[in-house]
Amino acid sequence: MKIVTIVVLSLTAFSQIDARPIQEQDVPKVITDTAEQTFSCAIKLGPKIEDVPVVYGNELVPEDNDALNELWHCIWEKKGIIDEDGDIVLDALNTYLRDLFAVTGKDQTAHRDLTSNIAQNCKTDVESGENEHMAVKLKNCIARGIEEFLFAEN
């Protein structure tokens, strides 16, 4: 049940899907890929998945949870955002953010600078700190960038 909850929460965290039933919508590839990657990583995590806290929406996650960091590290690796050496791949992060922001349906040219700034700031912030729990720190940095974008839009 916890795996299903994590997959559902991941979809919520990364989408602005409206209230229509999911079958009636064209779900963006970035959302379906994230759901599949999250599910795969949750299974890989095994019994440790029980230590992953439930998070709602774009909420920041605890940065001191080993199981949560392992889950996010796996997701970022599957996306190519964190390489095998544990470094953030800026091009992959930029592409992911552009795909994610494309879900809003707004003009993507306007978002190009924003996504590039979020990607560069997150790479710099996360890599300049301690490497411990780097994956959840990256997730939180992205969440703060999305929050700033949403707040600026309203």
N, C-alpha and C. Protein backbone atom coordinates (compact mmCIF):
# COMPACT_ATOMS: atom_id res chain seq x y z
N MET A 1 0.82 -1.20 0.00
CA MET A 1 0.00 0.00 0.00
C MET A 1 0.87 1.26 0.00
N LYS A 2 1.98 1.19 0.73
CA LYS A 2 2.84 2.37 0.79
C LYS A 2 3.44 2.67 -0.57
N ILE A 3 3.74 1.63 -1.37
CA ILE A 3 4.29 1.84 -2.71
C ILE A 3 3.26 2.56 -3.57
N VAL A 4 2.00 2.14 -3.51
CA VAL A 4 0.94 2.79 -4.28
C VAL A 4 0.81 4.25 -3.84
N THR A 5 0.86 4.50 -2.54
CA THR A 5 0.76 5.86 -2.03
C THR A 5 1.89 6.72 -2.56
N ILE A 6 3.10 6.20 -2.60
CA ILE A 6 4.26 6.95 -3.09
C ILE A 6 4.09 7.27 -4.56
N VAL A 7 3.62 6.30 -5.35
CA VAL A 7 3.41 6.55 -6.78
C VAL A 7 2.36 7.63 -6.98
N VAL A 8 1.25 7.54 -6.26
CA VAL A 8 0.19 8.54 -6.37
C VAL A 8 0.70 9.91 -5.95
N LEU A 9 1.45 9.96 -4.87
CA LEU A 9 1.97 11.24 -4.40
C LEU A 9 2.99 11.81 -5.37
N SER A 10 3.75 10.96 -6.02
CA SER A 10 4.69 11.44 -7.02
C SER A 10 3.96 12.08 -8.19
N LEU A 11 2.89 11.44 -8.61
CA LEU A 11 2.09 12.03 -9.67
C LEU A 11 1.55 13.39 -9.25
N THR A 12 1.08 13.47 -8.02
CA THR A 12 0.56 14.74 -7.51
C THR A 12 1.65 15.78 -7.44
N ALA A 13 2.82 15.39 -6.99
CA ALA A 13 3.92 16.35 -6.83
C ALA A 13 4.40 16.91 -8.15
N PHE A 14 4.28 16.15 -9.20
CA PHE A 14 4.85 16.57 -10.48
C PHE A 14 3.82 16.95 -11.52
N SER A 15 2.58 17.15 -11.12
CA SER A 15 1.60 17.44 -12.16
C SER A 15 0.56 18.44 -11.71
N GLN A 16 -0.11 18.95 -12.69
CA GLN A 16 -1.25 19.83 -12.46
C GLN A 16 -2.45 19.17 -13.14
N ILE A 17 -2.58 17.87 -12.98
CA ILE A 17 -3.65 17.13 -13.63
C ILE A 17 -4.99 17.58 -13.07
N ASP A 18 -5.94 17.87 -13.97
CA ASP A 18 -7.23 18.36 -13.50
C ASP A 18 -8.11 17.23 -13.01
N ALA A 19 -9.36 17.56 -12.70
CA ALA A 19 -10.24 16.61 -12.03
C ALA A 19 -10.86 15.57 -12.94
N ARG A 20 -10.67 15.69 -14.26
CA ARG A 20 -11.23 14.67 -15.15
C ARG A 20 -10.59 13.32 -14.85
N PRO A 21 -11.32 12.25 -15.07
CA PRO A 21 -10.72 10.93 -14.86
C PRO A 21 -9.46 10.78 -15.71
N ILE A 22 -8.50 10.08 -15.18
CA ILE A 22 -7.19 9.95 -15.83
C ILE A 22 -7.32 9.34 -17.22
N GLN A 23 -8.32 8.48 -17.46
CA GLN A 23 -8.49 7.86 -18.75
C GLN A 23 -8.84 8.89 -19.82
N GLU A 24 -9.45 10.01 -19.45
CA GLU A 24 -9.88 11.00 -20.42
C GLU A 24 -8.78 12.02 -20.73
N GLN A 25 -7.65 11.89 -20.12
CA GLN A 25 -6.59 12.87 -20.30
C GLN A 25 -5.41 12.27 -21.05
N ASP A 26 -4.67 13.14 -21.68
CA ASP A 26 -3.39 12.75 -22.22
C ASP A 26 -2.37 13.09 -21.15
N VAL A 27 -1.90 12.08 -20.44
CA VAL A 27 -0.96 12.31 -19.36
C VAL A 27 0.43 12.51 -19.97
N PRO A 28 1.07 13.63 -19.65
CA PRO A 28 2.39 13.91 -20.22
C PRO A 28 3.40 12.81 -19.89
N LYS A 29 4.29 12.57 -20.82
CA LYS A 29 5.31 11.53 -20.67
C LYS A 29 6.15 11.74 -19.42
N VAL A 30 6.47 12.99 -19.08
CA VAL A 30 7.28 13.25 -17.89
C VAL A 30 6.58 12.72 -16.64
N ILE A 31 5.25 12.76 -16.63
CA ILE A 31 4.48 12.28 -15.48
C ILE A 31 4.46 10.75 -15.45
N THR A 32 4.17 10.14 -16.59
CA THR A 32 4.12 8.68 -16.61
C THR A 32 5.50 8.08 -16.36
N ASP A 33 6.53 8.70 -16.92
CA ASP A 33 7.90 8.22 -16.67
C ASP A 33 8.24 8.30 -15.19
N THR A 34 7.89 9.42 -14.56
CA THR A 34 8.19 9.60 -13.14
C THR A 34 7.44 8.56 -12.30
N ALA A 35 6.20 8.29 -12.65
CA ALA A 35 5.42 7.29 -11.91
C ALA A 35 6.08 5.91 -12.04
N GLU A 36 6.46 5.55 -13.26
CA GLU A 36 7.11 4.25 -13.48
C GLU A 36 8.45 4.16 -12.74
N GLN A 37 9.23 5.23 -12.82
CA GLN A 37 10.53 5.24 -12.15
C GLN A 37 10.37 5.17 -10.64
N THR A 38 9.40 5.89 -10.11
CA THR A 38 9.15 5.87 -8.67
C THR A 38 8.75 4.48 -8.22
N PHE A 39 7.85 3.87 -8.96
CA PHE A 39 7.40 2.52 -8.63
C PHE A 39 8.56 1.54 -8.66
N SER A 40 9.37 1.62 -9.71
CA SER A 40 10.53 0.73 -9.85
C SER A 40 11.51 0.93 -8.68
N CYS A 41 11.75 2.19 -8.32
CA CYS A 41 12.68 2.48 -7.23
C CYS A 41 12.11 2.07 -5.87
N ALA A 42 10.79 2.21 -5.71
CA ALA A 42 10.16 1.79 -4.46
C ALA A 42 10.29 0.28 -4.28
N ILE A 43 10.13 -0.46 -5.37
CA ILE A 43 10.29 -1.92 -5.30
C ILE A 43 11.74 -2.26 -4.99
N LYS A 44 12.67 -1.55 -5.63
CA LYS A 44 14.10 -1.77 -5.39
C LYS A 44 14.46 -1.50 -3.92
N LEU A 45 13.79 -0.53 -3.32
CA LEU A 45 14.05 -0.15 -1.94
C LEU A 45 13.63 -1.27 -0.97
N GLY A 46 12.65 -2.06 -1.38
CA GLY A 46 12.20 -3.19 -0.58
C GLY A 46 11.58 -2.76 0.74
N PRO A 47 11.87 -3.51 1.82
CA PRO A 47 11.26 -3.21 3.12
C PRO A 47 11.59 -1.81 3.66
N LYS A 48 12.68 -1.23 3.18
CA LYS A 48 13.04 0.12 3.65
C LYS A 48 12.00 1.15 3.24
N ILE A 49 11.11 0.79 2.30
CA ILE A 49 10.08 1.72 1.84
C ILE A 49 9.20 2.16 3.02
N GLU A 50 9.10 1.32 4.03
CA GLU A 50 8.30 1.66 5.21
C GLU A 50 8.87 2.86 5.96
N ASP A 51 10.15 3.16 5.76
CA ASP A 51 10.77 4.30 6.42
C ASP A 51 10.62 5.61 5.65
N VAL A 52 10.00 5.54 4.48
CA VAL A 52 9.80 6.74 3.66
C VAL A 52 8.53 7.44 4.14
N PRO A 53 8.66 8.70 4.55
CA PRO A 53 7.47 9.43 5.03
C PRO A 53 6.52 9.77 3.89
N VAL A 54 5.25 9.86 4.20
CA VAL A 54 4.25 10.26 3.22
C VAL A 54 4.32 11.77 3.07
N VAL A 55 4.40 12.22 1.83
CA VAL A 55 4.49 13.64 1.52
C VAL A 55 3.37 13.97 0.54
N TYR A 56 2.74 15.10 0.73
CA TYR A 56 1.62 15.49 -0.12
C TYR A 56 2.01 16.62 -1.05
N GLY A 57 1.61 16.50 -2.32
CA GLY A 57 1.84 17.57 -3.28
C GLY A 57 3.29 17.91 -3.47
N ASN A 58 3.57 19.19 -3.55
CA ASN A 58 4.91 19.69 -3.80
C ASN A 58 5.62 20.02 -2.49
N GLU A 59 5.16 19.39 -1.42
CA GLU A 59 5.70 19.62 -0.09
C GLU A 59 7.20 19.29 -0.04
N LEU A 60 7.93 20.05 0.77
CA LEU A 60 9.34 19.72 0.97
C LEU A 60 9.43 18.43 1.78
N VAL A 61 10.47 17.66 1.51
CA VAL A 61 10.64 16.38 2.20
C VAL A 61 11.75 16.51 3.23
N PRO A 62 11.71 15.66 4.27
CA PRO A 62 12.78 15.69 5.26
C PRO A 62 14.12 15.34 4.61
N GLU A 63 15.15 16.09 4.93
CA GLU A 63 16.45 15.88 4.29
C GLU A 63 17.36 14.96 5.10
N ASP A 64 16.85 14.39 6.17
CA ASP A 64 17.68 13.53 7.01
C ASP A 64 17.19 12.08 7.03
N ASN A 65 16.40 11.70 6.04
CA ASN A 65 15.84 10.35 5.98
C ASN A 65 16.60 9.53 4.94
N ASP A 66 17.33 8.53 5.40
CA ASP A 66 18.16 7.71 4.51
C ASP A 66 17.34 6.99 3.44
N ALA A 67 16.20 6.42 3.83
CA ALA A 67 15.39 5.67 2.87
C ALA A 67 14.82 6.60 1.80
N LEU A 68 14.38 7.77 2.21
CA LEU A 68 13.84 8.75 1.27
C LEU A 68 14.93 9.22 0.30
N ASN A 69 16.12 9.44 0.83
CA ASN A 69 17.24 9.84 -0.03
C ASN A 69 17.58 8.74 -1.03
N GLU A 70 17.55 7.51 -0.57
CA GLU A 70 17.84 6.38 -1.46
C GLU A 70 16.79 6.29 -2.57
N LEU A 71 15.53 6.50 -2.22
CA LEU A 71 14.46 6.48 -3.21
C LEU A 71 14.67 7.57 -4.25
N TRP A 72 14.92 8.81 -3.80
CA TRP A 72 15.11 9.91 -4.74
C TRP A 72 16.39 9.76 -5.54
N HIS A 73 17.43 9.21 -4.94
CA HIS A 73 18.67 8.98 -5.68
C HIS A 73 18.41 8.02 -6.84
N CYS A 74 17.66 6.98 -6.57
CA CYS A 74 17.31 6.01 -7.61
C CYS A 74 16.49 6.69 -8.71
N ILE A 75 15.52 7.50 -8.34
CA ILE A 75 14.69 8.19 -9.35
C ILE A 75 15.55 9.10 -10.21
N TRP A 76 16.41 9.90 -9.56
CA TRP A 76 17.27 10.83 -10.32
C TRP A 76 18.23 10.06 -11.22
N GLU A 77 18.74 8.93 -10.75
CA GLU A 77 19.62 8.12 -11.61
C GLU A 77 18.87 7.60 -12.83
N LYS A 78 17.65 7.11 -12.61
CA LYS A 78 16.86 6.60 -13.73
C LYS A 78 16.57 7.69 -14.75
N LYS A 79 16.43 8.92 -14.29
CA LYS A 79 16.19 10.05 -15.18
C LYS A 79 17.49 10.57 -15.81
N GLY A 80 18.63 10.09 -15.33
CA GLY A 80 19.91 10.56 -15.84
C GLY A 80 20.32 11.90 -15.24
N ILE A 81 19.64 12.33 -14.20
CA ILE A 81 19.91 13.62 -13.57
C ILE A 81 21.09 13.53 -12.60
N ILE A 82 21.26 12.37 -12.00
CA ILE A 82 22.45 12.10 -11.18
C ILE A 82 23.20 10.96 -11.88
N ASP A 83 24.48 11.18 -12.15
CA ASP A 83 25.26 10.15 -12.84
C ASP A 83 25.81 9.12 -11.86
N GLU A 84 26.54 8.15 -12.38
CA GLU A 84 27.05 7.06 -11.54
C GLU A 84 28.06 7.53 -10.50
N ASP A 85 28.65 8.72 -10.70
CA ASP A 85 29.58 9.28 -9.72
C ASP A 85 28.86 10.13 -8.67
N GLY A 86 27.54 10.27 -8.83
CA GLY A 86 26.76 11.07 -7.89
C GLY A 86 26.74 12.55 -8.22
N ASP A 87 27.18 12.91 -9.42
CA ASP A 87 27.17 14.32 -9.83
C ASP A 87 25.87 14.64 -10.55
N ILE A 88 25.42 15.88 -10.43
CA ILE A 88 24.21 16.32 -11.12
C ILE A 88 24.56 16.65 -12.56
N VAL A 89 23.78 16.09 -13.49
CA VAL A 89 23.97 16.31 -14.92
C VAL A 89 23.04 17.46 -15.32
N LEU A 90 23.62 18.63 -15.53
CA LEU A 90 22.86 19.85 -15.76
C LEU A 90 21.94 19.75 -16.98
N ASP A 91 22.42 19.19 -18.07
CA ASP A 91 21.58 19.07 -19.28
C ASP A 91 20.34 18.22 -19.02
N ALA A 92 20.52 17.11 -18.31
CA ALA A 92 19.39 16.24 -18.00
C ALA A 92 18.41 16.93 -17.05
N LEU A 93 18.94 17.68 -16.09
CA LEU A 93 18.07 18.41 -15.16
C LEU A 93 17.29 19.50 -15.91
N ASN A 94 17.95 20.21 -16.82
CA ASN A 94 17.28 21.22 -17.63
C ASN A 94 16.15 20.60 -18.46
N THR A 95 16.44 19.49 -19.10
CA THR A 95 15.44 18.81 -19.93
C THR A 95 14.26 18.37 -19.08
N TYR A 96 14.53 17.78 -17.93
CA TYR A 96 13.47 17.34 -17.03
C TYR A 96 12.59 18.53 -16.61
N LEU A 97 13.21 19.63 -16.22
CA LEU A 97 12.44 20.80 -15.78
C LEU A 97 11.62 21.38 -16.92
N ARG A 98 12.19 21.44 -18.12
CA ARG A 98 11.43 21.95 -19.27
C ARG A 98 10.21 21.06 -19.54
N ASP A 99 10.42 19.74 -19.48
CA ASP A 99 9.31 18.81 -19.68
C ASP A 99 8.25 18.98 -18.60
N LEU A 100 8.71 19.17 -17.38
CA LEU A 100 7.80 19.34 -16.26
C LEU A 100 7.00 20.64 -16.40
N PHE A 101 7.68 21.72 -16.75
CA PHE A 101 6.99 23.00 -16.90
C PHE A 101 6.09 23.01 -18.13
N ALA A 102 6.37 22.16 -19.11
CA ALA A 102 5.52 22.08 -20.30
C ALA A 102 4.11 21.60 -19.94
N VAL A 103 3.99 20.89 -18.83
CA VAL A 103 2.70 20.40 -18.36
C VAL A 103 1.75 21.56 -18.11
N THR A 104 2.27 22.73 -17.80
CA THR A 104 1.42 23.90 -17.52
C THR A 104 0.71 24.39 -18.76
N GLY A 105 1.22 24.04 -19.95
CA GLY A 105 0.60 24.46 -21.19
C GLY A 105 0.89 25.91 -21.56
N LYS A 106 1.77 26.55 -20.83
CA LYS A 106 2.10 27.94 -21.12
C LYS A 106 3.27 28.01 -22.11
N ASP A 107 3.52 29.18 -22.61
CA ASP A 107 4.59 29.42 -23.57
C ASP A 107 5.93 28.96 -23.01
N GLN A 108 6.55 28.00 -23.68
CA GLN A 108 7.79 27.41 -23.18
C GLN A 108 9.00 28.33 -23.32
N THR A 109 8.93 29.27 -24.26
CA THR A 109 10.06 30.20 -24.42
C THR A 109 10.24 31.01 -23.15
N ALA A 110 9.14 31.39 -22.54
CA ALA A 110 9.20 32.18 -21.31
C ALA A 110 9.78 31.36 -20.15
N HIS A 111 9.60 30.05 -20.22
CA HIS A 111 10.08 29.19 -19.13
C HIS A 111 11.54 28.76 -19.29
N ARG A 112 12.09 28.92 -20.48
CA ARG A 112 13.45 28.43 -20.74
C ARG A 112 14.45 29.05 -19.77
N ASP A 113 14.40 30.36 -19.58
CA ASP A 113 15.32 31.01 -18.64
C ASP A 113 15.05 30.56 -17.21
N LEU A 114 13.77 30.46 -16.87
CA LEU A 114 13.40 30.05 -15.52
C LEU A 114 13.90 28.65 -15.21
N THR A 115 13.66 27.70 -16.11
CA THR A 115 14.10 26.33 -15.86
C THR A 115 15.62 26.24 -15.81
N SER A 116 16.28 27.00 -16.67
CA SER A 116 17.75 27.01 -16.64
C SER A 116 18.28 27.58 -15.33
N ASN A 117 17.63 28.63 -14.83
CA ASN A 117 18.05 29.22 -13.55
C ASN A 117 17.82 28.25 -12.40
N ILE A 118 16.66 27.60 -12.39
CA ILE A 118 16.37 26.63 -11.32
C ILE A 118 17.41 25.51 -11.38
N ALA A 119 17.66 24.98 -12.56
CA ALA A 119 18.61 23.88 -12.71
C ALA A 119 20.00 24.29 -12.24
N GLN A 120 20.47 25.44 -12.70
CA GLN A 120 21.82 25.89 -12.31
C GLN A 120 21.91 26.18 -10.82
N ASN A 121 20.89 26.85 -10.28
CA ASN A 121 20.89 27.16 -8.84
C ASN A 121 20.86 25.89 -8.00
N CYS A 122 20.03 24.93 -8.40
CA CYS A 122 19.95 23.67 -7.63
C CYS A 122 21.26 22.89 -7.73
N LYS A 123 21.83 22.82 -8.91
CA LYS A 123 23.11 22.11 -9.07
C LYS A 123 24.17 22.75 -8.17
N THR A 124 24.25 24.09 -8.21
CA THR A 124 25.24 24.80 -7.40
C THR A 124 24.98 24.62 -5.91
N ASP A 125 23.73 24.82 -5.49
CA ASP A 125 23.38 24.71 -4.07
C ASP A 125 23.64 23.30 -3.53
N VAL A 126 23.18 22.31 -4.27
CA VAL A 126 23.28 20.93 -3.79
C VAL A 126 24.73 20.45 -3.80
N GLU A 127 25.47 20.75 -4.86
CA GLU A 127 26.85 20.27 -4.94
C GLU A 127 27.81 21.05 -4.06
N SER A 128 27.41 22.25 -3.64
CA SER A 128 28.31 23.03 -2.77
C SER A 128 28.20 22.60 -1.31
N GLY A 129 27.15 21.87 -0.98
CA GLY A 129 26.95 21.41 0.40
C GLY A 129 27.53 20.03 0.61
N GLU A 130 27.14 19.43 1.72
CA GLU A 130 27.57 18.07 2.02
C GLU A 130 26.86 17.11 1.07
N ASN A 131 27.55 16.04 0.70
CA ASN A 131 26.97 15.08 -0.22
C ASN A 131 25.91 14.19 0.42
N GLU A 132 25.86 14.17 1.74
CA GLU A 132 24.88 13.34 2.41
C GLU A 132 23.47 13.84 2.08
N HIS A 133 22.62 12.93 1.70
CA HIS A 133 21.23 13.23 1.38
C HIS A 133 21.09 14.22 0.22
N MET A 134 22.01 14.14 -0.72
CA MET A 134 22.02 15.03 -1.87
C MET A 134 20.75 14.91 -2.71
N ALA A 135 20.23 13.71 -2.85
CA ALA A 135 19.07 13.48 -3.72
C ALA A 135 17.82 14.19 -3.20
N VAL A 136 17.58 14.12 -1.89
CA VAL A 136 16.40 14.81 -1.37
C VAL A 136 16.62 16.32 -1.34
N LYS A 137 17.86 16.74 -1.18
CA LYS A 137 18.14 18.18 -1.24
C LYS A 137 17.84 18.71 -2.65
N LEU A 138 18.17 17.92 -3.66
CA LEU A 138 17.85 18.30 -5.04
C LEU A 138 16.34 18.34 -5.24
N LYS A 139 15.64 17.35 -4.74
CA LYS A 139 14.17 17.33 -4.85
C LYS A 139 13.58 18.58 -4.21
N ASN A 140 14.06 18.94 -3.01
CA ASN A 140 13.54 20.11 -2.31
C ASN A 140 13.87 21.40 -3.05
N CYS A 141 15.05 21.47 -3.62
CA CYS A 141 15.44 22.66 -4.37
C CYS A 141 14.52 22.84 -5.58
N ILE A 142 14.24 21.76 -6.27
CA ILE A 142 13.33 21.81 -7.41
C ILE A 142 11.93 22.21 -6.95
N ALA A 143 11.47 21.64 -5.83
CA ALA A 143 10.15 21.97 -5.29
C ALA A 143 10.06 23.46 -4.96
N ARG A 144 11.12 24.02 -4.37
CA ARG A 144 11.12 25.46 -4.06
C ARG A 144 11.08 26.29 -5.35
N GLY A 145 11.79 25.85 -6.39
CA GLY A 145 11.76 26.55 -7.67
C GLY A 145 10.38 26.52 -8.29
N ILE A 146 9.71 25.37 -8.22
CA ILE A 146 8.35 25.25 -8.74
C ILE A 146 7.40 26.14 -7.93
N GLU A 147 7.57 26.13 -6.63
CA GLU A 147 6.73 26.95 -5.75
C GLU A 147 6.89 28.44 -6.08
N GLU A 148 8.13 28.88 -6.29
CA GLU A 148 8.38 30.27 -6.65
C GLU A 148 7.70 30.61 -7.98
N PHE A 149 7.78 29.68 -8.93
CA PHE A 149 7.14 29.88 -10.22
C PHE A 149 5.62 30.00 -10.06
N LEU A 150 5.03 29.08 -9.31
CA LEU A 150 3.58 29.10 -9.12
C LEU A 150 3.14 30.35 -8.37
N PHE A 151 3.93 30.75 -7.37
CA PHE A 151 3.61 31.95 -6.59
C PHE A 151 3.71 33.20 -7.46
N ALA A 152 4.70 33.24 -8.33
CA ALA A 152 4.90 34.40 -9.21
C ALA A 152 3.77 34.49 -10.24
N GLU A 153 3.20 33.36 -10.61
CA GLU A 153 2.14 33.33 -11.62
C GLU A 153 0.81 33.87 -11.07
N ASN A 154 0.62 33.79 -9.75
CA ASN A 154 -0.68 34.20 -9.16
C ASN A 154 -0.67 35.60 -8.68
